[in-house]
Each structure stands twice: as structure tokens, then as C-alpha cells.
Amino acid sequence: MNVKIYGDGASRVGVRQVTDKIYWICHSAGDQARKLNRGFAEDFARINPEFDPNANDIMYSSYLFLDEKTLMTDTLGPAQHDTVLEALADILDGRALDHLWISHTELPHAANTAAIRRAHPRVEVMTAGGHDHYEVHGLHDARKLNYGEKIELGEHTIEIIQPLFVDHALTQWIYEHKTGFLCPVDWALNAQNEQQSFLFMDEMEETGYSADRFMHDISITNCVVFPWLRWADPDQIASMIDQFFEKYDVHIFAPSHTNVIRKDMPKYIAALRQAMRNVVMGDYNLVY
């Protein structure tokens, strides 16, 4: 695994290349995760025996495109303030950051906006349209984007797309047309143990992980992330997922809190589909 690591514990950030021009910037606490996250995995494992009781780490991810223009998605959280700036500076290697896209205003996604703006004063900051009190996240003058808008970087074209599953009412996803890169933000959160930090999903399989384990992870974690799903229709949700992946030819599945999937996409899409049916039909009294 070729990863460059900055800091440790709550500030720990790793950088890996997904393609020659897409970088994964990821926070993972590693061997300090159990202490920092208070061992939540054991609670999940009591509800779902398929959940790894040692998986006490949940990542926060940003992605950086290096093209004729540069674009960063989200900013990681407050604890990664210094390390994400250091990692970003190393990847850019003297280049300017042209665009910063904020998926939604929540600390793991938007907390370092102001710091990045100070480091790159000419950056164009972009976020979801439809609201106006973004000052607390340094987004007071951000360009407000609508679904269907596209950002041309050179070889890569980023399209703002409507999410299937929203954490906040104002949330957007992005799809990149050349690579089939999809960032579905908070959808599909899974957990890692300390040996699985910064691994792509196919590398996770070498540690004993599987699409079936992924399905079970999503079945339990997404009850917490999207509690409104208790009122959804499982058949409608499955149909929406099918239609979405028919419309978007996804080759790189890169959420904010999930190990990047870059291989065997059909089996993981099938796992996602079943997981979301499970979420809708789950016993929410076991989660809260």
C-alpha cells in the first residue's frame, strides 16, 4: 500500500492516488480509534453479529482532482485542520487550488473551508443552492450550484447531481464523466479496524472483508445516518438504486465515509441495493 500519512490519532490523514489525477485524502484514527470513538463497534456488533466488533474507525474523506484546473471535494473535520492543509499543499506542489466544492454544511465536510480559503485566496468555493446562511462555515459568498451544473477541469468534467439519500436537506453529490467517479457523500458508511485504514475495498478483501460484510455494515450504519428511511418503501428504494446506476456508469465509488471501491462494482452495487432494503425494513428500536 502506497500511502503518505500526516499526524496521528484524531489528526491523522493519509493520501493515496485513486487514478493518476485523482487523490484520496482520508482521515483515519488507526490504533487510537477505539479510544476516540468509545468502542461504538461493539454496540453495533451486539445488534448485528456480522459487524466486526474491532471496527472502531470511521473515515472522513476528501478527494482532489489535478487537471488543467484543480478541484477539492469537502475539507475533512476540525481535528484535521493542520494535517489536511499539509497534505493538500504536498499534492498541489506549488499549484493553486482552483475550486473547492462543499457537499453540505457539516463539520466533517466543511470545517476547514476558511483555512483552505486563506491558503488559496483565489479559490472558487461552491456549495448547494437553496439557502443563504452559510457564514459559520466560511461559505457566505460561495457560488450556489444547482443539479445538472458542470465544472470543466480539462480532461475531467464534474457534474452536480441529485442525491438518492440526503443527510442534510441541502446535500449534493458529484459524478465525473471521464472516470465514472461518484462521490455520494454520506451514503454507504462502513467501519474499519486499525489494519484496514486507507485501504481500497479490494484490498479490504485481503483482510477478510467481503461484499456480504459490506452489505451488513450498511444495513446497520445507514439506519443511523438516514433515520427517515424507516418511512420509506423498500421496493421503491431498490428501484431508485437500479435506475440511478443505469443512468450513471460508476467505476469509482468514492463516498465520504467508505473505503473507495474501484473494482468489482456490480457485486458491491448489489450489496448496496440489498442493504438499503434491509435498512428500510430494519428494527429501529435496536439502533437508538
Protein backbone atom coordinates (compact mmCIF):
# COMPACT_ATOMS: atom_id res chain seq x y z
CA MET A 1 0.00 0.00 0.00
CA ASN A 2 1.45 3.33 -1.09
CA VAL A 3 0.11 5.87 1.41
CA LYS A 4 1.63 9.03 2.86
CA ILE A 5 0.48 9.71 6.42
CA TYR A 6 0.33 13.02 8.27
CA GLY A 7 -0.22 13.29 12.04
CA ASP A 8 -1.73 10.64 14.30
CA GLY A 9 -4.89 9.89 16.21
CA ALA A 10 -7.63 12.47 15.71
CA SER A 11 -5.44 14.49 13.30
CA ARG A 12 -4.22 11.51 11.24
CA VAL A 13 -4.62 11.94 7.47
CA GLY A 14 -3.48 9.60 4.71
CA VAL A 15 -3.15 10.31 0.97
CA ARG A 16 -3.45 7.75 -1.81
CA GLN A 17 -3.85 8.02 -5.57
CA VAL A 18 -7.07 6.60 -6.98
CA THR A 19 -6.04 7.43 -10.57
CA ASP A 20 -3.11 9.39 -11.93
CA LYS A 21 -5.12 12.60 -11.40
CA ILE A 22 -7.48 11.81 -8.51
CA TYR A 23 -6.21 11.74 -4.93
CA TRP A 24 -7.96 10.33 -1.87
CA ILE A 25 -7.34 12.45 1.26
CA CYS A 26 -8.61 10.47 4.21
CA HIS A 27 -8.77 10.79 7.99
CA SER A 28 -8.48 7.50 9.88
CA ALA A 29 -7.51 7.35 13.55
CA GLY A 30 -5.94 3.88 13.34
CA ASP A 31 -4.86 2.36 16.64
CA GLN A 32 -6.36 5.29 18.59
CA ALA A 33 -9.83 4.87 17.09
CA ARG A 34 -11.22 2.68 19.88
CA LYS A 35 -10.40 5.32 22.48
CA LEU A 36 -11.53 8.28 20.37
CA ASN A 37 -14.77 6.64 19.21
CA ARG A 38 -15.54 4.98 22.56
CA GLY A 39 -15.81 1.49 21.12
CA PHE A 40 -19.06 2.00 19.22
CA ALA A 41 -18.36 -1.10 17.08
CA GLU A 42 -19.10 -3.42 19.99
CA ASP A 43 -22.58 -1.88 20.30
CA PHE A 44 -23.23 -2.33 16.58
CA ALA A 45 -21.93 -5.89 16.75
CA ARG A 46 -24.39 -6.74 19.53
CA ILE A 47 -27.19 -5.74 17.14
CA ASN A 48 -25.66 -7.31 14.04
CA PRO A 49 -23.31 -10.29 14.57
CA GLU A 50 -21.88 -9.73 11.07
CA PHE A 51 -20.43 -6.39 12.18
CA ASP A 52 -16.71 -6.52 13.09
CA PRO A 53 -16.51 -5.72 16.85
CA ASN A 54 -13.00 -4.36 16.28
CA ALA A 55 -14.10 -1.92 13.56
CA ASN A 56 -13.98 1.23 15.66
CA ASP A 57 -12.80 3.60 12.94
CA ILE A 58 -14.97 5.67 10.61
CA MET A 59 -13.12 7.66 7.98
CA TYR A 60 -13.69 11.19 6.73
CA SER A 61 -12.67 11.65 3.10
CA SER A 62 -11.96 14.41 0.63
CA TYR A 63 -10.90 13.98 -2.99
CA LEU A 64 -8.61 16.16 -5.08
CA PHE A 65 -8.62 16.36 -8.89
CA LEU A 66 -5.40 17.51 -10.56
CA ASP A 67 -6.20 18.55 -14.12
CA GLU A 68 -5.77 21.80 -16.05
CA LYS A 69 -7.86 23.10 -13.16
CA THR A 70 -7.80 21.64 -9.65
CA LEU A 71 -10.84 20.77 -7.55
CA MET A 72 -11.19 19.53 -3.99
CA THR A 73 -14.33 17.92 -2.57
CA ASP A 74 -15.07 18.79 1.07
CA THR A 75 -12.41 19.60 3.69
CA LEU A 76 -12.33 16.93 6.46
CA GLY A 77 -13.01 17.94 10.08
CA PRO A 78 -11.73 20.41 12.69
CA ALA A 79 -9.23 17.96 14.21
CA GLN A 80 -7.55 17.56 10.82
CA HIS A 81 -7.07 21.32 10.32
CA ASP A 82 -3.28 21.28 10.10
CA THR A 83 -2.77 17.86 8.53
CA VAL A 84 -5.26 18.37 5.69
CA LEU A 85 -3.59 21.68 4.81
CA GLU A 86 -0.18 19.98 4.80
CA ALA A 87 -1.43 17.09 2.67
CA LEU A 88 -3.14 19.45 0.23
CA ALA A 89 -0.01 21.56 -0.13
CA ASP A 90 2.11 18.47 -0.83
CA ILE A 91 -0.23 17.14 -3.51
CA LEU A 92 -0.63 20.52 -5.22
CA ASP A 93 3.16 21.02 -5.11
CA GLY A 94 3.02 24.76 -5.75
CA ARG A 95 -0.16 24.77 -7.83
CA ALA A 96 -3.19 26.78 -6.83
CA LEU A 97 -6.47 25.21 -5.77
CA ASP A 98 -9.00 26.46 -8.31
CA HIS A 99 -12.25 25.00 -6.97
CA LEU A 100 -13.48 23.82 -3.56
CA TRP A 101 -16.84 22.03 -3.56
CA ILE A 102 -18.70 21.58 -0.26
CA SER A 103 -21.33 18.85 -0.38
CA HIS A 104 -23.21 20.08 2.71
CA THR A 105 -22.58 22.13 5.81
CA GLU A 106 -21.49 19.65 8.44
CA LEU A 107 -18.17 19.72 10.28
CA PRO A 108 -16.57 16.56 8.74
CA HIS A 109 -17.28 18.09 5.32
CA ALA A 110 -16.94 21.87 5.66
CA ALA A 111 -14.92 22.62 8.80
CA ASN A 112 -11.68 23.67 7.09
CA THR A 113 -13.20 25.84 4.37
CA ALA A 114 -11.97 29.10 5.89
CA ALA A 115 -8.43 27.75 6.38
CA ILE A 116 -8.26 26.49 2.79
CA ARG A 117 -9.51 29.85 1.56
CA ARG A 118 -6.70 31.58 3.46
CA ALA A 119 -4.14 29.24 1.89
CA HIS A 120 -5.70 29.65 -1.58
CA PRO A 121 -7.29 33.12 -1.65
CA ARG A 122 -8.33 32.84 -5.32
CA VAL A 123 -10.17 29.53 -4.92
CA GLU A 124 -13.77 29.40 -6.12
CA VAL A 125 -15.86 27.93 -3.32
CA MET A 126 -19.05 26.16 -4.35
CA THR A 127 -21.91 24.62 -2.42
CA ALA A 128 -25.56 23.61 -2.67
CA GLY A 129 -28.03 26.24 -3.78
CA GLY A 130 -31.25 26.98 -1.96
CA HIS A 131 -30.07 28.56 1.27
CA ASP A 132 -28.32 31.73 2.42
CA HIS A 133 -26.94 31.50 5.99
CA TYR A 134 -23.65 29.72 5.38
CA GLU A 135 -21.41 32.20 7.20
CA VAL A 136 -20.46 29.85 10.05
CA HIS A 137 -18.66 27.57 7.57
CA GLY A 138 -16.95 30.35 5.60
CA LEU A 139 -19.39 29.93 2.71
CA HIS A 140 -21.02 33.37 2.84
CA ASP A 141 -20.03 34.22 -0.75
CA ALA A 142 -19.87 30.69 -2.18
CA ARG A 143 -21.19 30.03 -5.66
CA LYS A 144 -24.53 28.24 -5.24
CA LEU A 145 -24.81 25.23 -7.55
CA ASN A 146 -27.89 23.57 -8.99
CA TYR A 147 -28.32 19.98 -10.12
CA GLY A 148 -27.03 19.47 -13.65
CA GLU A 149 -24.37 22.19 -13.49
CA LYS A 150 -20.97 21.09 -14.74
CA ILE A 151 -17.44 22.16 -13.83
CA GLU A 152 -14.87 21.67 -16.58
CA LEU A 153 -11.41 20.87 -15.26
CA GLY A 154 -9.76 19.86 -18.55
CA GLU A 155 -9.92 16.10 -19.11
CA HIS A 156 -12.42 15.75 -16.28
CA THR A 157 -15.98 17.08 -16.14
CA ILE A 158 -17.67 17.26 -12.74
CA GLU A 159 -21.47 17.21 -12.76
CA ILE A 160 -23.57 18.21 -9.75
CA ILE A 161 -26.21 15.51 -9.34
CA GLN A 162 -29.25 14.96 -7.18
CA PRO A 163 -28.62 12.57 -4.27
CA LEU A 164 -30.69 9.48 -3.61
CA PHE A 165 -30.07 9.72 0.13
CA VAL A 166 -29.62 13.01 1.98
CA ASP A 167 -28.11 13.57 5.42
CA HIS A 168 -28.97 17.28 5.36
CA ALA A 169 -31.82 18.75 3.32
CA LEU A 170 -29.25 20.68 1.28
CA THR A 171 -26.88 17.98 0.02
CA GLN A 172 -25.41 17.37 -3.41
CA TRP A 173 -23.47 14.51 -4.98
CA ILE A 174 -20.94 14.72 -7.81
CA TYR A 175 -20.23 12.50 -10.81
CA GLU A 176 -17.16 12.72 -13.05
CA HIS A 177 -17.84 11.66 -16.62
CA LYS A 178 -14.40 10.50 -17.85
CA THR A 179 -13.53 8.16 -14.98
CA GLY A 180 -17.02 7.23 -13.75
CA PHE A 181 -16.11 8.69 -10.35
CA LEU A 182 -19.08 9.08 -7.99
CA CYS A 183 -18.96 10.80 -4.61
CA PRO A 184 -22.27 10.00 -2.88
CA VAL A 185 -21.16 11.82 0.27
CA ASP A 186 -22.71 10.15 3.38
CA TRP A 187 -24.26 7.15 1.67
CA ALA A 188 -22.83 3.69 2.37
CA LEU A 189 -20.87 4.39 5.56
CA ASN A 190 -18.82 1.39 6.66
CA ALA A 191 -16.36 0.94 9.51
CA GLN A 192 -12.75 -0.26 9.60
CA ASN A 193 -10.46 -1.86 12.14
CA GLU A 194 -6.96 -0.48 12.57
CA GLN A 195 -5.42 -2.85 9.99
CA GLN A 196 -7.82 -1.56 7.32
CA SER A 197 -7.00 2.17 7.42
CA PHE A 198 -6.61 3.76 3.97
CA LEU A 199 -7.33 0.51 2.09
CA PHE A 200 -9.30 0.35 -1.15
CA MET A 201 -12.22 -2.06 -0.90
CA ASP A 202 -10.48 -4.73 -2.99
CA GLU A 203 -7.56 -4.53 -0.52
CA MET A 204 -10.05 -4.83 2.34
CA GLU A 205 -10.99 -8.23 0.91
CA GLU A 206 -7.42 -9.37 1.55
CA THR A 207 -8.07 -8.77 5.29
CA GLY A 208 -11.21 -10.93 5.27
CA TYR A 209 -13.73 -8.25 4.30
CA SER A 210 -16.33 -9.02 1.61
CA ALA A 211 -19.30 -7.59 -0.28
CA ASP A 212 -21.52 -9.54 2.10
CA ARG A 213 -19.85 -7.91 5.12
CA PHE A 214 -20.23 -4.55 3.37
CA MET A 215 -23.95 -5.23 2.98
CA HIS A 216 -24.31 -6.00 6.68
CA ASP A 217 -22.32 -2.87 7.64
CA ILE A 218 -24.53 -0.62 5.53
CA SER A 219 -27.67 -2.31 6.86
CA ILE A 220 -26.85 -1.16 10.39
CA THR A 221 -24.93 2.12 9.95
CA ASN A 222 -27.38 3.66 7.49
CA CYS A 223 -30.23 3.27 9.97
CA VAL A 224 -28.35 5.89 12.00
CA VAL A 225 -27.25 8.09 9.08
CA PHE A 226 -30.64 8.20 7.36
CA PRO A 227 -33.28 7.57 10.07
CA TRP A 228 -36.00 8.91 7.77
CA LEU A 229 -35.74 5.64 5.82
CA ARG A 230 -37.97 3.94 8.39
CA TRP A 231 -40.88 5.53 6.49
CA ALA A 232 -39.65 4.56 3.00
CA ASP A 233 -40.84 1.77 0.71
CA PRO A 234 -38.19 -0.96 0.20
CA ASP A 235 -39.26 -1.77 -3.35
CA GLN A 236 -39.19 1.89 -4.33
CA ILE A 237 -35.74 2.34 -2.79
CA ALA A 238 -34.39 -0.69 -4.69
CA SER A 239 -35.92 0.61 -7.93
CA MET A 240 -34.37 4.05 -7.39
CA ILE A 241 -30.94 2.49 -6.89
CA ASP A 242 -31.31 0.43 -10.06
CA GLN A 243 -32.36 3.49 -12.07
CA PHE A 244 -29.50 5.54 -10.64
CA PHE A 245 -26.81 3.06 -11.66
CA GLU A 246 -28.41 2.67 -15.08
CA LYS A 247 -28.11 6.43 -15.56
CA TYR A 248 -24.59 6.82 -14.14
CA ASP A 249 -21.84 4.47 -15.28
CA VAL A 250 -19.94 4.27 -12.00
CA HIS A 251 -16.42 2.82 -11.99
CA ILE A 252 -15.08 4.53 -8.85
CA PHE A 253 -17.43 4.63 -5.85
CA ALA A 254 -15.91 7.20 -3.50
CA PRO A 255 -18.13 8.27 -0.59
CA SER A 256 -17.08 10.44 2.32
CA HIS A 257 -17.06 7.67 4.93
CA THR A 258 -16.47 4.45 2.98
CA ASN A 259 -13.40 2.66 1.65
CA VAL A 260 -13.08 3.55 -2.04
CA ILE A 261 -14.49 0.89 -4.36
CA ARG A 262 -12.57 0.68 -7.65
CA LYS A 263 -13.10 -2.97 -8.68
CA ASP A 264 -15.97 -5.49 -8.87
CA MET A 265 -18.56 -2.72 -8.93
CA PRO A 266 -21.59 -4.94 -9.80
CA LYS A 267 -21.28 -7.09 -6.67
CA TYR A 268 -20.96 -4.02 -4.44
CA ILE A 269 -23.92 -2.32 -6.12
CA ALA A 270 -25.94 -5.48 -5.46
CA ALA A 271 -24.79 -5.38 -1.83
CA LEU A 272 -25.83 -1.73 -1.55
CA ARG A 273 -29.22 -2.48 -3.05
CA GLN A 274 -29.92 -5.26 -0.56
CA ALA A 275 -28.50 -3.24 2.32
CA MET A 276 -30.85 -0.34 1.69
CA ARG A 277 -33.83 -2.72 1.58
CA ASN A 278 -32.64 -4.04 4.94
CA VAL A 279 -32.35 -0.50 6.31
CA VAL A 280 -35.94 0.31 5.38
CA MET A 281 -37.24 -2.90 6.94
CA GLY A 282 -34.94 -2.79 9.99
CA ASP A 283 -35.90 -2.61 13.66
CA TYR A 284 -35.04 0.98 14.54
CA ASN A 285 -35.65 0.37 18.24
CA LEU A 286 -32.42 -1.66 18.23
CA VAL A 287 -30.40 1.30 16.96
CA TYR A 288 -31.35 4.11 19.31
